[in-house]
Amino acid sequence: LPVRIDWSSEYKGRALVVYGHTPRAQAI
């Protein structure tokens, strides 16, 4: 599988970004 960059850990934007793509046990 491709190694993904954890962009969300550095996110400081004004907009709330709602997304999917990478399954998790709980909404994070």
mmCIF file of all heavy atoms, coordinates in Angstrom:
data_MODEL
# 
_entry.id   MODEL 
# 
loop_
_atom_site.group_PDB 
_atom_site.id 
_atom_site.type_symbol 
_atom_site.label_atom_id 
_atom_site.label_alt_id 
_atom_site.label_comp_id 
_atom_site.label_asym_id 
_atom_site.label_entity_id 
_atom_site.label_seq_id 
_atom_site.pdbx_PDB_ins_code 
_atom_site.Cartn_x 
_atom_site.Cartn_y 
_atom_site.Cartn_z 
_atom_site.occupancy 
_atom_site.B_iso_or_equiv 
_atom_site.pdbx_formal_charge 
_atom_site.auth_seq_id 
_atom_site.auth_comp_id 
_atom_site.auth_asym_id 
_atom_site.auth_atom_id 
_atom_site.pdbx_PDB_model_num 
ATOM 1   N N   . LEU A 1 1  ? 0.836   -1.199 0.000  1.00 0.00 ? 1  LEU A N   1 
ATOM 2   C CA  . LEU A 1 1  ? 0.000   0.000  0.000  1.00 0.00 ? 1  LEU A CA  1 
ATOM 3   C C   . LEU A 1 1  ? 0.874   1.254  0.000  1.00 0.00 ? 1  LEU A C   1 
ATOM 4   O O   . LEU A 1 1  ? 1.986   1.244  0.542  1.00 0.00 ? 1  LEU A O   1 
ATOM 5   C CB  . LEU A 1 1  ? -0.909  0.005  1.237  1.00 0.00 ? 1  LEU A CB  1 
ATOM 6   C CG  . LEU A 1 1  ? -1.883  -1.173 1.349  1.00 0.00 ? 1  LEU A CG  1 
ATOM 7   C CD1 . LEU A 1 1  ? -2.592  -1.138 2.700  1.00 0.00 ? 1  LEU A CD1 1 
ATOM 8   C CD2 . LEU A 1 1  ? -2.894  -1.152 0.212  1.00 0.00 ? 1  LEU A CD2 1 
ATOM 9   N N   . PRO A 1 2  ? 0.386   2.345  -0.588 1.00 0.00 ? 2  PRO A N   1 
ATOM 10  C CA  . PRO A 1 2  ? 1.188   3.579  -0.597 1.00 0.00 ? 2  PRO A CA  1 
ATOM 11  C C   . PRO A 1 2  ? 1.358   4.142  0.810  1.00 0.00 ? 2  PRO A C   1 
ATOM 12  O O   . PRO A 1 2  ? 0.435   4.087  1.629  1.00 0.00 ? 2  PRO A O   1 
ATOM 13  C CB  . PRO A 1 2  ? 0.363   4.529  -1.478 1.00 0.00 ? 2  PRO A CB  1 
ATOM 14  C CG  . PRO A 1 2  ? -1.027  3.971  -1.453 1.00 0.00 ? 2  PRO A CG  1 
ATOM 15  C CD  . PRO A 1 2  ? -0.892  2.497  -1.314 1.00 0.00 ? 2  PRO A CD  1 
ATOM 16  N N   . VAL A 1 3  ? 2.541   4.665  1.083  1.00 0.00 ? 3  VAL A N   1 
ATOM 17  C CA  . VAL A 1 3  ? 2.814   5.305  2.370  1.00 0.00 ? 3  VAL A CA  1 
ATOM 18  C C   . VAL A 1 3  ? 2.253   6.715  2.320  1.00 0.00 ? 3  VAL A C   1 
ATOM 19  O O   . VAL A 1 3  ? 2.698   7.539  1.510  1.00 0.00 ? 3  VAL A O   1 
ATOM 20  C CB  . VAL A 1 3  ? 4.323   5.325  2.674  1.00 0.00 ? 3  VAL A CB  1 
ATOM 21  C CG1 . VAL A 1 3  ? 4.586   6.031  3.995  1.00 0.00 ? 3  VAL A CG1 1 
ATOM 22  C CG2 . VAL A 1 3  ? 4.883   3.907  2.704  1.00 0.00 ? 3  VAL A CG2 1 
ATOM 23  N N   . ARG A 1 4  ? 1.285   7.011  3.172  1.00 0.00 ? 4  ARG A N   1 
ATOM 24  C CA  . ARG A 1 4  ? 0.595   8.288  3.121  1.00 0.00 ? 4  ARG A CA  1 
ATOM 25  C C   . ARG A 1 4  ? 1.254   9.336  4.014  1.00 0.00 ? 4  ARG A C   1 
ATOM 26  O O   . ARG A 1 4  ? 1.841   9.006  5.047  1.00 0.00 ? 4  ARG A O   1 
ATOM 27  C CB  . ARG A 1 4  ? -0.876  8.113  3.538  1.00 0.00 ? 4  ARG A CB  1 
ATOM 28  C CG  . ARG A 1 4  ? -1.598  7.075  2.689  1.00 0.00 ? 4  ARG A CG  1 
ATOM 29  C CD  . ARG A 1 4  ? -3.100  7.133  2.882  1.00 0.00 ? 4  ARG A CD  1 
ATOM 30  N NE  . ARG A 1 4  ? -3.748  6.072  2.120  1.00 0.00 ? 4  ARG A NE  1 
ATOM 31  C CZ  . ARG A 1 4  ? -3.952  6.102  0.814  1.00 0.00 ? 4  ARG A CZ  1 
ATOM 32  N NH1 . ARG A 1 4  ? -3.564  7.160  0.118  1.00 0.00 ? 4  ARG A NH1 1 
ATOM 33  N NH2 . ARG A 1 4  ? -4.534  5.094  0.190  1.00 0.00 ? 4  ARG A NH2 1 
ATOM 34  N N   . ILE A 1 5  ? 1.126   10.579 3.615  1.00 0.00 ? 5  ILE A N   1 
ATOM 35  C CA  . ILE A 1 5  ? 1.611   11.704 4.410  1.00 0.00 ? 5  ILE A CA  1 
ATOM 36  C C   . ILE A 1 5  ? 0.488   12.153 5.338  1.00 0.00 ? 5  ILE A C   1 
ATOM 37  O O   . ILE A 1 5  ? -0.651  12.357 4.907  1.00 0.00 ? 5  ILE A O   1 
ATOM 38  C CB  . ILE A 1 5  ? 2.045   12.869 3.499  1.00 0.00 ? 5  ILE A CB  1 
ATOM 39  C CG1 . ILE A 1 5  ? 3.260   12.453 2.658  1.00 0.00 ? 5  ILE A CG1 1 
ATOM 40  C CG2 . ILE A 1 5  ? 2.357   14.119 4.322  1.00 0.00 ? 5  ILE A CG2 1 
ATOM 41  C CD1 . ILE A 1 5  ? 3.656   13.474 1.610  1.00 0.00 ? 5  ILE A CD1 1 
ATOM 42  N N   . ASP A 1 6  ? 0.787   12.306 6.604  1.00 0.00 ? 6  ASP A N   1 
ATOM 43  C CA  . ASP A 1 6  ? -0.216  12.701 7.591  1.00 0.00 ? 6  ASP A CA  1 
ATOM 44  C C   . ASP A 1 6  ? -0.381  14.223 7.575  1.00 0.00 ? 6  ASP A C   1 
ATOM 45  O O   . ASP A 1 6  ? 0.068   14.931 8.463  1.00 0.00 ? 6  ASP A O   1 
ATOM 46  C CB  . ASP A 1 6  ? 0.198   12.217 8.986  1.00 0.00 ? 6  ASP A CB  1 
ATOM 47  C CG  . ASP A 1 6  ? -0.882  12.476 10.035 1.00 0.00 ? 6  ASP A CG  1 
ATOM 48  O OD1 . ASP A 1 6  ? -2.022  12.807 9.643  1.00 0.00 ? 6  ASP A OD1 1 
ATOM 49  O OD2 . ASP A 1 6  ? -0.577  12.355 11.233 1.00 0.00 ? 6  ASP A OD2 1 
ATOM 50  N N   . TRP A 1 7  ? -1.060  14.706 6.550  1.00 0.00 ? 7  TRP A N   1 
ATOM 51  C CA  . TRP A 1 7  ? -1.231  16.139 6.359  1.00 0.00 ? 7  TRP A CA  1 
ATOM 52  C C   . TRP A 1 7  ? -2.073  16.775 7.469  1.00 0.00 ? 7  TRP A C   1 
ATOM 53  O O   . TRP A 1 7  ? -1.871  17.936 7.837  1.00 0.00 ? 7  TRP A O   1 
ATOM 54  C CB  . TRP A 1 7  ? -1.882  16.420 5.000  1.00 0.00 ? 7  TRP A CB  1 
ATOM 55  C CG  . TRP A 1 7  ? -3.273  15.878 4.906  1.00 0.00 ? 7  TRP A CG  1 
ATOM 56  C CD1 . TRP A 1 7  ? -3.634  14.605 4.580  1.00 0.00 ? 7  TRP A CD1 1 
ATOM 57  C CD2 . TRP A 1 7  ? -4.486  16.575 5.205  1.00 0.00 ? 7  TRP A CD2 1 
ATOM 58  N NE1 . TRP A 1 7  ? -4.998  14.463 4.647  1.00 0.00 ? 7  TRP A NE1 1 
ATOM 59  C CE2 . TRP A 1 7  ? -5.541  15.649 5.024  1.00 0.00 ? 7  TRP A CE2 1 
ATOM 60  C CE3 . TRP A 1 7  ? -4.779  17.879 5.593  1.00 0.00 ? 7  TRP A CE3 1 
ATOM 61  C CZ2 . TRP A 1 7  ? -6.875  15.994 5.232  1.00 0.00 ? 7  TRP A CZ2 1 
ATOM 62  C CZ3 . TRP A 1 7  ? -6.094  18.227 5.798  1.00 0.00 ? 7  TRP A CZ3 1 
ATOM 63  C CH2 . TRP A 1 7  ? -7.128  17.298 5.611  1.00 0.00 ? 7  TRP A CH2 1 
ATOM 64  N N   . SER A 1 8  ? -3.009  16.010 8.018  1.00 0.00 ? 8  SER A N   1 
ATOM 65  C CA  . SER A 1 8  ? -3.937  16.567 9.003  1.00 0.00 ? 8  SER A CA  1 
ATOM 66  C C   . SER A 1 8  ? -3.225  16.968 10.305 1.00 0.00 ? 8  SER A C   1 
ATOM 67  O O   . SER A 1 8  ? -3.679  17.875 11.002 1.00 0.00 ? 8  SER A O   1 
ATOM 68  C CB  . SER A 1 8  ? -5.061  15.581 9.319  1.00 0.00 ? 8  SER A CB  1 
ATOM 69  O OG  . SER A 1 8  ? -4.539  14.391 9.874  1.00 0.00 ? 8  SER A OG  1 
ATOM 70  N N   . SER A 1 9  ? -2.118  16.316 10.626 1.00 0.00 ? 9  SER A N   1 
ATOM 71  C CA  . SER A 1 9  ? -1.406  16.629 11.872 1.00 0.00 ? 9  SER A CA  1 
ATOM 72  C C   . SER A 1 9  ? -0.771  18.011 11.830 1.00 0.00 ? 9  SER A C   1 
ATOM 73  O O   . SER A 1 9  ? -0.461  18.593 12.876 1.00 0.00 ? 9  SER A O   1 
ATOM 74  C CB  . SER A 1 9  ? -0.331  15.574 12.151 1.00 0.00 ? 9  SER A CB  1 
ATOM 75  O OG  . SER A 1 9  ? 0.670   15.595 11.142 1.00 0.00 ? 9  SER A OG  1 
ATOM 76  N N   . GLU A 1 10 ? -0.600  18.544 10.606 1.00 0.00 ? 10 GLU A N   1 
ATOM 77  C CA  . GLU A 1 10 ? 0.001   19.872 10.452 1.00 0.00 ? 10 GLU A CA  1 
ATOM 78  C C   . GLU A 1 10 ? -1.020  20.931 10.025 1.00 0.00 ? 10 GLU A C   1 
ATOM 79  O O   . GLU A 1 10 ? -0.658  22.089 9.834  1.00 0.00 ? 10 GLU A O   1 
ATOM 80  C CB  . GLU A 1 10 ? 1.126   19.809 9.403  1.00 0.00 ? 10 GLU A CB  1 
ATOM 81  C CG  . GLU A 1 10 ? 2.208   18.784 9.721  1.00 0.00 ? 10 GLU A CG  1 
ATOM 82  C CD  . GLU A 1 10 ? 3.175   18.609 8.563  1.00 0.00 ? 10 GLU A CD  1 
ATOM 83  O OE1 . GLU A 1 10 ? 2.915   19.197 7.484  1.00 0.00 ? 10 GLU A OE1 1 
ATOM 84  O OE2 . GLU A 1 10 ? 4.171   17.895 8.723  1.00 0.00 ? 10 GLU A OE2 1 
ATOM 85  N N   . TYR A 1 11 ? -2.275  20.527 9.882  1.00 0.00 ? 11 TYR A N   1 
ATOM 86  C CA  . TYR A 1 11 ? -3.276  21.440 9.335  1.00 0.00 ? 11 TYR A CA  1 
ATOM 87  C C   . TYR A 1 11 ? -3.634  22.535 10.328 1.00 0.00 ? 11 TYR A C   1 
ATOM 88  O O   . TYR A 1 11 ? -3.931  22.269 11.496 1.00 0.00 ? 11 TYR A O   1 
ATOM 89  C CB  . TYR A 1 11 ? -4.534  20.653 8.955  1.00 0.00 ? 11 TYR A CB  1 
ATOM 90  C CG  . TYR A 1 11 ? -5.622  21.500 8.326  1.00 0.00 ? 11 TYR A CG  1 
ATOM 91  C CD1 . TYR A 1 11 ? -5.529  21.905 7.001  1.00 0.00 ? 11 TYR A CD1 1 
ATOM 92  C CD2 . TYR A 1 11 ? -6.731  21.894 9.060  1.00 0.00 ? 11 TYR A CD2 1 
ATOM 93  C CE1 . TYR A 1 11 ? -6.517  22.673 6.416  1.00 0.00 ? 11 TYR A CE1 1 
ATOM 94  C CE2 . TYR A 1 11 ? -7.731  22.659 8.483  1.00 0.00 ? 11 TYR A CE2 1 
ATOM 95  C CZ  . TYR A 1 11 ? -7.615  23.049 7.166  1.00 0.00 ? 11 TYR A CZ  1 
ATOM 96  O OH  . TYR A 1 11 ? -8.593  23.818 6.598  1.00 0.00 ? 11 TYR A OH  1 
ATOM 97  N N   . LYS A 1 12 ? -3.626  23.771 9.857  1.00 0.00 ? 12 LYS A N   1 
ATOM 98  C CA  . LYS A 1 12 ? -3.978  24.928 10.685 1.00 0.00 ? 12 LYS A CA  1 
ATOM 99  C C   . LYS A 1 12 ? -4.952  25.838 9.951  1.00 0.00 ? 12 LYS A C   1 
ATOM 100 O O   . LYS A 1 12 ? -5.052  27.032 10.246 1.00 0.00 ? 12 LYS A O   1 
ATOM 101 C CB  . LYS A 1 12 ? -2.717  25.709 11.087 1.00 0.00 ? 12 LYS A CB  1 
ATOM 102 C CG  . LYS A 1 12 ? -1.734  24.922 11.954 1.00 0.00 ? 12 LYS A CG  1 
ATOM 103 C CD  . LYS A 1 12 ? -0.528  25.766 12.316 1.00 0.00 ? 12 LYS A CD  1 
ATOM 104 C CE  . LYS A 1 12 ? 0.402   25.027 13.270 1.00 0.00 ? 12 LYS A CE  1 
ATOM 105 N NZ  . LYS A 1 12 ? 0.992   23.829 12.650 1.00 0.00 ? 12 LYS A NZ  1 
ATOM 106 N N   . GLY A 1 13 ? -5.662  25.311 8.977  1.00 0.00 ? 13 GLY A N   1 
ATOM 107 C CA  . GLY A 1 13 ? -6.533  26.128 8.151  1.00 0.00 ? 13 GLY A CA  1 
ATOM 108 C C   . GLY A 1 13 ? -7.796  26.591 8.849  1.00 0.00 ? 13 GLY A C   1 
ATOM 109 O O   . GLY A 1 13 ? -8.215  26.040 9.871  1.00 0.00 ? 13 GLY A O   1 
ATOM 110 N N   . ARG A 1 14 ? -8.429  27.611 8.261  1.00 0.00 ? 14 ARG A N   1 
ATOM 111 C CA  . ARG A 1 14 ? -9.677  28.160 8.807  1.00 0.00 ? 14 ARG A CA  1 
ATOM 112 C C   . ARG A 1 14 ? -10.846 27.224 8.577  1.00 0.00 ? 14 ARG A C   1 
ATOM 113 O O   . ARG A 1 14 ? -11.724 27.083 9.430  1.00 0.00 ? 14 ARG A O   1 
ATOM 114 C CB  . ARG A 1 14 ? -9.955  29.524 8.157  1.00 0.00 ? 14 ARG A CB  1 
ATOM 115 C CG  . ARG A 1 14 ? -11.240 30.192 8.658  1.00 0.00 ? 14 ARG A CG  1 
ATOM 116 C CD  . ARG A 1 14 ? -11.387 31.558 8.045  1.00 0.00 ? 14 ARG A CD  1 
ATOM 117 N NE  . ARG A 1 14 ? -11.919 31.499 6.699  1.00 0.00 ? 14 ARG A NE  1 
ATOM 118 C CZ  . ARG A 1 14 ? -13.209 31.666 6.388  1.00 0.00 ? 14 ARG A CZ  1 
ATOM 119 N NH1 . ARG A 1 14 ? -14.096 31.849 7.346  1.00 0.00 ? 14 ARG A NH1 1 
ATOM 120 N NH2 . ARG A 1 14 ? -13.609 31.628 5.139  1.00 0.00 ? 14 ARG A NH2 1 
ATOM 121 N N   . ALA A 1 15 ? -10.852 26.560 7.415  1.00 0.00 ? 15 ALA A N   1 
ATOM 122 C CA  . ALA A 1 15 ? -11.980 25.694 7.070  1.00 0.00 ? 15 ALA A CA  1 
ATOM 123 C C   . ALA A 1 15 ? -11.886 24.362 7.803  1.00 0.00 ? 15 ALA A C   1 
ATOM 124 O O   . ALA A 1 15 ? -10.805 23.796 7.979  1.00 0.00 ? 15 ALA A O   1 
ATOM 125 C CB  . ALA A 1 15 ? -12.009 25.455 5.563  1.00 0.00 ? 15 ALA A CB  1 
ATOM 126 N N   . LEU A 1 16 ? -13.038 23.858 8.219  1.00 0.00 ? 16 LEU A N   1 
ATOM 127 C CA  . LEU A 1 16 ? -13.126 22.488 8.701  1.00 0.00 ? 16 LEU A CA  1 
ATOM 128 C C   . LEU A 1 16 ? -13.118 21.577 7.484  1.00 0.00 ? 16 LEU A C   1 
ATOM 129 O O   . LEU A 1 16 ? -13.942 21.727 6.587  1.00 0.00 ? 16 LEU A O   1 
ATOM 130 C CB  . LEU A 1 16 ? -14.414 22.295 9.502  1.00 0.00 ? 16 LEU A CB  1 
ATOM 131 C CG  . LEU A 1 16 ? -14.761 20.858 9.886  1.00 0.00 ? 16 LEU A CG  1 
ATOM 132 C CD1 . LEU A 1 16 ? -13.716 20.264 10.821 1.00 0.00 ? 16 LEU A CD1 1 
ATOM 133 C CD2 . LEU A 1 16 ? -16.143 20.792 10.538 1.00 0.00 ? 16 LEU A CD2 1 
ATOM 134 N N   . VAL A 1 17 ? -12.190 20.617 7.428  1.00 0.00 ? 17 VAL A N   1 
ATOM 135 C CA  . VAL A 1 17 ? -12.078 19.695 6.300  1.00 0.00 ? 17 VAL A CA  1 
ATOM 136 C C   . VAL A 1 17 ? -12.637 18.335 6.719  1.00 0.00 ? 17 VAL A C   1 
ATOM 137 O O   . VAL A 1 17 ? -12.153 17.728 7.679  1.00 0.00 ? 17 VAL A O   1 
ATOM 138 C CB  . VAL A 1 17 ? -10.618 19.540 5.829  1.00 0.00 ? 17 VAL A CB  1 
ATOM 139 C CG1 . VAL A 1 17 ? -10.547 18.561 4.645  1.00 0.00 ? 17 VAL A CG1 1 
ATOM 140 C CG2 . VAL A 1 17 ? -10.029 20.884 5.435  1.00 0.00 ? 17 VAL A CG2 1 
ATOM 141 N N   . VAL A 1 18 ? -13.655 17.874 6.006  1.00 0.00 ? 18 VAL A N   1 
ATOM 142 C CA  . VAL A 1 18 ? -14.264 16.570 6.272  1.00 0.00 ? 18 VAL A CA  1 
ATOM 143 C C   . VAL A 1 18 ? -13.913 15.655 5.101  1.00 0.00 ? 18 VAL A C   1 
ATOM 144 O O   . VAL A 1 18 ? -14.122 16.017 3.942  1.00 0.00 ? 18 VAL A O   1 
ATOM 145 C CB  . VAL A 1 18 ? -15.795 16.674 6.435  1.00 0.00 ? 18 VAL A CB  1 
ATOM 146 C CG1 . VAL A 1 18 ? -16.370 15.322 6.850  1.00 0.00 ? 18 VAL A CG1 1 
ATOM 147 C CG2 . VAL A 1 18 ? -16.152 17.735 7.460  1.00 0.00 ? 18 VAL A CG2 1 
ATOM 148 N N   . TYR A 1 19 ? -13.389 14.479 5.419  1.00 0.00 ? 19 TYR A N   1 
ATOM 149 C CA  . TYR A 1 19 ? -12.888 13.598 4.368  1.00 0.00 ? 19 TYR A CA  1 
ATOM 150 C C   . TYR A 1 19 ? -13.008 12.136 4.785  1.00 0.00 ? 19 TYR A C   1 
ATOM 151 O O   . TYR A 1 19 ? -13.496 11.819 5.882  1.00 0.00 ? 19 TYR A O   1 
ATOM 152 C CB  . TYR A 1 19 ? -11.424 13.933 4.048  1.00 0.00 ? 19 TYR A CB  1 
ATOM 153 C CG  . TYR A 1 19 ? -10.438 13.628 5.163  1.00 0.00 ? 19 TYR A CG  1 
ATOM 154 C CD1 . TYR A 1 19 ? -9.598  12.523 5.089  1.00 0.00 ? 19 TYR A CD1 1 
ATOM 155 C CD2 . TYR A 1 19 ? -10.336 14.454 6.290  1.00 0.00 ? 19 TYR A CD2 1 
ATOM 156 C CE1 . TYR A 1 19 ? -8.688  12.238 6.109  1.00 0.00 ? 19 TYR A CE1 1 
ATOM 157 C CE2 . TYR A 1 19 ? -9.440  14.179 7.299  1.00 0.00 ? 19 TYR A CE2 1 
ATOM 158 C CZ  . TYR A 1 19 ? -8.613  13.070 7.209  1.00 0.00 ? 19 TYR A CZ  1 
ATOM 159 O OH  . TYR A 1 19 ? -7.721  12.794 8.222  1.00 0.00 ? 19 TYR A OH  1 
ATOM 160 N N   . GLY A 1 20 ? -12.570 11.230 3.903  1.00 0.00 ? 20 GLY A N   1 
ATOM 161 C CA  . GLY A 1 20 ? -12.603 9.794  4.171  1.00 0.00 ? 20 GLY A CA  1 
ATOM 162 C C   . GLY A 1 20 ? -11.373 9.135  3.606  1.00 0.00 ? 20 GLY A C   1 
ATOM 163 O O   . GLY A 1 20 ? -10.260 9.504  3.934  1.00 0.00 ? 20 GLY A O   1 
ATOM 164 N N   . HIS A 1 21 ? -11.567 8.112  2.737  1.00 0.00 ? 21 HIS A N   1 
ATOM 165 C CA  . HIS A 1 21 ? -10.504 7.468  1.969  1.00 0.00 ? 21 HIS A CA  1 
ATOM 166 C C   . HIS A 1 21 ? -9.707  6.424  2.752  1.00 0.00 ? 21 HIS A C   1 
ATOM 167 O O   . HIS A 1 21 ? -9.477  5.329  2.262  1.00 0.00 ? 21 HIS A O   1 
ATOM 168 C CB  . HIS A 1 21 ? -9.560  8.530  1.390  1.00 0.00 ? 21 HIS A CB  1 
ATOM 169 C CG  . HIS A 1 21 ? -8.540  8.000  0.435  1.00 0.00 ? 21 HIS A CG  1 
ATOM 170 N ND1 . HIS A 1 21 ? -8.867  7.203  -0.634 1.00 0.00 ? 21 HIS A ND1 1 
ATOM 171 C CD2 . HIS A 1 21 ? -7.180  8.140  0.397  1.00 0.00 ? 21 HIS A CD2 1 
ATOM 172 C CE1 . HIS A 1 21 ? -7.755  6.891  -1.312 1.00 0.00 ? 21 HIS A CE1 1 
ATOM 173 N NE2 . HIS A 1 21 ? -6.732  7.442  -0.699 1.00 0.00 ? 21 HIS A NE2 1 
ATOM 174 N N   . THR A 1 22 ? -9.251  6.766  3.949  1.00 0.00 ? 22 THR A N   1 
ATOM 175 C CA  . THR A 1 22 ? -8.449  5.847  4.751  1.00 0.00 ? 22 THR A CA  1 
ATOM 176 C C   . THR A 1 22 ? -9.289  5.369  5.925  1.00 0.00 ? 22 THR A C   1 
ATOM 177 O O   . THR A 1 22 ? -9.594  6.159  6.829  1.00 0.00 ? 22 THR A O   1 
ATOM 178 C CB  . THR A 1 22 ? -7.170  6.528  5.261  1.00 0.00 ? 22 THR A CB  1 
ATOM 179 O OG1 . THR A 1 22 ? -6.453  7.067  4.148  1.00 0.00 ? 22 THR A OG1 1 
ATOM 180 C CG2 . THR A 1 22 ? -6.288  5.532  6.000  1.00 0.00 ? 22 THR A CG2 1 
ATOM 181 N N   . PRO A 1 23 ? -9.704  4.089  5.933  1.00 0.00 ? 23 PRO A N   1 
ATOM 182 C CA  . PRO A 1 23 ? -10.627 3.628  6.987  1.00 0.00 ? 23 PRO A CA  1 
ATOM 183 C C   . PRO A 1 23 ? -10.008 3.630  8.375  1.00 0.00 ? 23 PRO A C   1 
ATOM 184 O O   . PRO A 1 23 ? -8.839  3.284  8.557  1.00 0.00 ? 23 PRO A O   1 
ATOM 185 C CB  . PRO A 1 23 ? -10.988 2.205  6.537  1.00 0.00 ? 23 PRO A CB  1 
ATOM 186 C CG  . PRO A 1 23 ? -9.860  1.780  5.657  1.00 0.00 ? 23 PRO A CG  1 
ATOM 187 C CD  . PRO A 1 23 ? -9.372  3.021  4.977  1.00 0.00 ? 23 PRO A CD  1 
ATOM 188 N N   . ARG A 1 24 ? -10.824 4.022  9.339  1.00 0.00 ? 24 ARG A N   1 
ATOM 189 C CA  . ARG A 1 24 ? -10.440 4.040  10.749 1.00 0.00 ? 24 ARG A CA  1 
ATOM 190 C C   . ARG A 1 24 ? -11.564 3.386  11.550 1.00 0.00 ? 24 ARG A C   1 
ATOM 191 O O   . ARG A 1 24 ? -12.716 3.365  11.126 1.00 0.00 ? 24 ARG A O   1 
ATOM 192 C CB  . ARG A 1 24 ? -10.224 5.475  11.245 1.00 0.00 ? 24 ARG A CB  1 
ATOM 193 C CG  . ARG A 1 24 ? -9.066  6.199  10.559 1.00 0.00 ? 24 ARG A CG  1 
ATOM 194 C CD  . ARG A 1 24 ? -7.743  5.727  11.100 1.00 0.00 ? 24 ARG A CD  1 
ATOM 195 N NE  . ARG A 1 24 ? -6.633  6.508  10.584 1.00 0.00 ? 24 ARG A NE  1 
ATOM 196 C CZ  . ARG A 1 24 ? -5.843  6.132  9.583  1.00 0.00 ? 24 ARG A CZ  1 
ATOM 197 N NH1 . ARG A 1 24 ? -6.093  4.997  8.951  1.00 0.00 ? 24 ARG A NH1 1 
ATOM 198 N NH2 . ARG A 1 24 ? -4.841  6.889  9.191  1.00 0.00 ? 24 ARG A NH2 1 
ATOM 199 N N   . ALA A 1 25 ? -11.239 2.886  12.725 1.00 0.00 ? 25 ALA A N   1 
ATOM 200 C CA  . ALA A 1 25 ? -12.256 2.248  13.565 1.00 0.00 ? 25 ALA A CA  1 
ATOM 201 C C   . ALA A 1 25 ? -13.289 3.260  14.040 1.00 0.00 ? 25 ALA A C   1 
ATOM 202 O O   . ALA A 1 25 ? -14.466 2.933  14.213 1.00 0.00 ? 25 ALA A O   1 
ATOM 203 C CB  . ALA A 1 25 ? -11.597 1.563  14.754 1.00 0.00 ? 25 ALA A CB  1 
ATOM 204 N N   . GLN A 1 26 ? -12.864 4.509  14.256 1.00 0.00 ? 26 GLN A N   1 
ATOM 205 C CA  . GLN A 1 26 ? -13.747 5.576  14.708 1.00 0.00 ? 26 GLN A CA  1 
ATOM 206 C C   . GLN A 1 26 ? -13.459 6.834  13.893 1.00 0.00 ? 26 GLN A C   1 
ATOM 207 O O   . GLN A 1 26 ? -12.346 7.015  13.395 1.00 0.00 ? 26 GLN A O   1 
ATOM 208 C CB  . GLN A 1 26 ? -13.524 5.887  16.197 1.00 0.00 ? 26 GLN A CB  1 
ATOM 209 C CG  . GLN A 1 26 ? -13.733 4.713  17.132 1.00 0.00 ? 26 GLN A CG  1 
ATOM 210 C CD  . GLN A 1 26 ? -15.192 4.289  17.230 1.00 0.00 ? 26 GLN A CD  1 
ATOM 211 O OE1 . GLN A 1 26 ? -16.097 5.064  16.937 1.00 0.00 ? 26 GLN A OE1 1 
ATOM 212 N NE2 . GLN A 1 26 ? -15.425 3.046  17.633 1.00 0.00 ? 26 GLN A NE2 1 
ATOM 213 N N   . ALA A 1 27 ? -14.462 7.687  13.767 1.00 0.00 ? 27 ALA A N   1 
ATOM 214 C CA  . ALA A 1 27 ? -14.240 8.991  13.150 1.00 0.00 ? 27 ALA A CA  1 
ATOM 215 C C   . ALA A 1 27 ? -13.214 9.750  13.970 1.00 0.00 ? 27 ALA A C   1 
ATOM 216 O O   . ALA A 1 27 ? -13.326 9.824  15.197 1.00 0.00 ? 27 ALA A O   1 
ATOM 217 C CB  . ALA A 1 27 ? -15.552 9.769  13.071 1.00 0.00 ? 27 ALA A CB  1 
ATOM 218 N N   . ILE A 1 28 ? -12.203 10.288 13.313 1.00 0.00 ? 28 ILE A N   1 
ATOM 219 C CA  . ILE A 1 28 ? -11.074 10.895 14.007 1.00 0.00 ? 28 ILE A CA  1 
ATOM 220 C C   . ILE A 1 28 ? -11.019 12.386 13.709 1.00 0.00 ? 28 ILE A C   1 
ATOM 221 O O   . ILE A 1 28 ? -10.944 12.791 12.545 1.00 0.00 ? 28 ILE A O   1 
ATOM 222 C CB  . ILE A 1 28 ? -9.758  10.229 13.586 1.00 0.00 ? 28 ILE A CB  1 
ATOM 223 C CG1 . ILE A 1 28 ? -9.755  8.748  13.983 1.00 0.00 ? 28 ILE A CG1 1 
ATOM 224 C CG2 . ILE A 1 28 ? -8.569  10.939 14.210 1.00 0.00 ? 28 ILE A CG2 1 
ATOM 225 C CD1 . ILE A 1 28 ? -8.544  7.997  13.487 1.00 0.00 ? 28 ILE A CD1 1 
# 
